[in-house]
C-alpha atoms as a PDB file:
ATOM      1  CA  MET A   1      -6.422   6.236  23.070  1.00  0.00           C
ATOM      2  CA  ASN A   2      -8.564   2.841  22.421  1.00  0.00           C
ATOM      3  CA  SER A   3     -10.534   3.089  18.754  1.00  0.00           C
ATOM      4  CA  ASN A   4     -11.897   1.033  16.607  1.00  0.00           C
ATOM      5  CA  ILE A   5     -12.061   3.488  13.987  1.00  0.00           C
ATOM      6  CA  SER A   6      -9.536   3.116  10.567  1.00  0.00           C
ATOM      7  CA  LEU A   7      -7.904   5.929   9.046  1.00  0.00           C
ATOM      8  CA  PRO A   8      -6.851   5.598   5.712  1.00  0.00           C
ATOM      9  CA  GLY A   9      -2.730   5.102   4.760  1.00  0.00           C
ATOM     10  CA  LEU A  10      -2.738   5.151   8.735  1.00  0.00           C
ATOM     11  CA  GLU A  11      -2.851   1.336   9.337  1.00  0.00           C
ATOM     12  CA  GLY A  12      -0.286  -0.269  11.588  1.00  0.00           C
ATOM     13  CA  VAL A  13       0.989   2.970  13.090  1.00  0.00           C
ATOM     14  CA  ILE A  14      -0.343   3.912  17.285  1.00  0.00           C
ATOM     15  CA  VAL A  15      -2.177   6.483  17.886  1.00  0.00           C
ATOM     16  CA  THR A  16      -0.752   8.560  20.803  1.00  0.00           C
ATOM     17  CA  LYS A  17      -2.561  11.991  20.582  1.00  0.00           C
ATOM     18  CA  SER A  18      -5.100  13.498  18.675  1.00  0.00           C
ATOM     19  CA  PHE A  19      -7.168  17.228  18.755  1.00  0.00           C
ATOM     20  CA  GLU A  20      -8.060  19.870  16.830  1.00  0.00           C
ATOM     21  CA  GLN A  21      -6.221  22.998  17.045  1.00  0.00           C
ATOM     22  CA  ASP A  22      -7.881  25.784  14.749  1.00  0.00           C
ATOM     23  CA  GLY A  23      -9.321  24.395  12.087  1.00  0.00           C
ATOM     24  CA  ASN A  24      -6.729  22.007  11.611  1.00  0.00           C
ATOM     25  CA  TYR A  25      -6.780  18.356  12.692  1.00  0.00           C
ATOM     26  CA  GLN A  26      -3.305  17.344  14.352  1.00  0.00           C
ATOM     27  CA  LEU A  27      -2.979  13.369  14.774  1.00  0.00           C
ATOM     28  CA  HIS A  28       0.926  12.775  16.910  1.00  0.00           C
ATOM     29  CA  VAL A  29       2.117   9.607  15.698  1.00  0.00           C
ATOM     30  CA  GLU A  30       4.580   6.353  15.933  1.00  0.00           C
ATOM     31  CA  LEU A  31       5.917   3.095  14.380  1.00  0.00           C
ATOM     32  CA  GLU A  32       6.225  -0.088  16.992  1.00  0.00           C
ATOM     33  CA  ARG A  33       9.739  -0.500  17.894  1.00  0.00           C
ATOM     34  CA  VAL A  34      11.249  -3.630  16.484  1.00  0.00           C
ATOM     35  CA  PRO A  35      14.782  -5.415  17.167  1.00  0.00           C
ATOM     36  CA  HIS A  36      17.692  -3.731  14.580  1.00  0.00           C
ATOM     37  CA  HIS A  37      21.162  -4.083  13.967  1.00  0.00           C
ATOM     38  CA  CYS A  38      23.480  -1.296  15.635  1.00  0.00           C
ATOM     39  CA  PRO A  39      24.877   0.408  12.565  1.00  0.00           C
ATOM     40  CA  SER A  40      27.981   0.774  15.051  1.00  0.00           C
ATOM     41  CA  CYS A  41      28.492  -2.772  16.259  1.00  0.00           C
ATOM     42  CA  ASN A  42      25.881  -4.410  14.326  1.00  0.00           C
ATOM     43  CA  GLN A  43      24.769  -5.805  17.340  1.00  0.00           C
ATOM     44  CA  VAL A  44      20.940  -6.855  17.509  1.00  0.00           C
ATOM     45  CA  THR A  45      18.762  -3.990  20.100  1.00  0.00           C
ATOM     46  CA  GLU A  46      15.630  -1.676  20.173  1.00  0.00           C
ATOM     47  CA  LYS A  47      16.591   1.118  21.792  1.00  0.00           C
ATOM     48  CA  VAL A  48      16.964   4.241  19.597  1.00  0.00           C
ATOM     49  CA  HIS A  49      19.608   7.100  20.461  1.00  0.00           C
ATOM     50  CA  ASP A  50      17.368   9.646  18.955  1.00  0.00           C
ATOM     51  CA  TYR A  51      14.237  10.330  17.241  1.00  0.00           C
ATOM     52  CA  ARG A  52      12.938  13.651  15.479  1.00  0.00           C
ATOM     53  CA  ILE A  53       9.143  14.516  15.197  1.00  0.00           C
ATOM     54  CA  GLN A  54       8.369  15.297  11.532  1.00  0.00           C
ATOM     55  CA  LYS A  55       5.728  17.175  10.511  1.00  0.00           C
ATOM     56  CA  VAL A  56       3.754  15.840   7.583  1.00  0.00           C
ATOM     57  CA  GLN A  57       0.682  16.796   5.536  1.00  0.00           C
ATOM     58  CA  HIS A  58      -1.687  14.477   5.086  1.00  0.00           C
ATOM     59  CA  HIS A  59      -5.014  14.299   3.132  1.00  0.00           C
ATOM     60  CA  HIS A  60      -8.091  15.340   4.983  1.00  0.00           C
ATOM     61  CA  ILE A  61      -9.690  13.690   7.502  1.00  0.00           C
ATOM     62  CA  PHE A  62     -13.264  13.879   9.114  1.00  0.00           C
ATOM     63  CA  GLY A  63     -14.047  16.955   6.665  1.00  0.00           C
ATOM     64  CA  ARG A  64     -10.674  19.154   7.818  1.00  0.00           C
ATOM     65  CA  GLN A  65      -7.360  19.505   6.643  1.00  0.00           C
ATOM     66  CA  THR A  66      -4.964  17.202   8.908  1.00  0.00           C
ATOM     67  CA  THR A  67      -1.180  17.509   9.954  1.00  0.00           C
ATOM     68  CA  LEU A  68       0.764  14.028  11.277  1.00  0.00           C
ATOM     69  CA  PHE A  69       3.635  14.592  13.705  1.00  0.00           C
ATOM     70  CA  TYR A  70       5.766  11.538  13.467  1.00  0.00           C
ATOM     71  CA  ARG A  71       8.258  10.275  15.827  1.00  0.00           C
END
């Protein structure tokens, strides 16, 4: 999704999906992947063993209640 709208509090995230369902605006977001140190071997890697999606209540956007799904 390409958009030039800046959403308050969401600078620096990548919006992967957005839609409205039952009057609730849902945004699926993630951060850009960056190299980090493996906790086991301390090598620098960009691989992640597992992701979980966190459901986060957000402020109203465009006058609609908004839920973030953060990966």
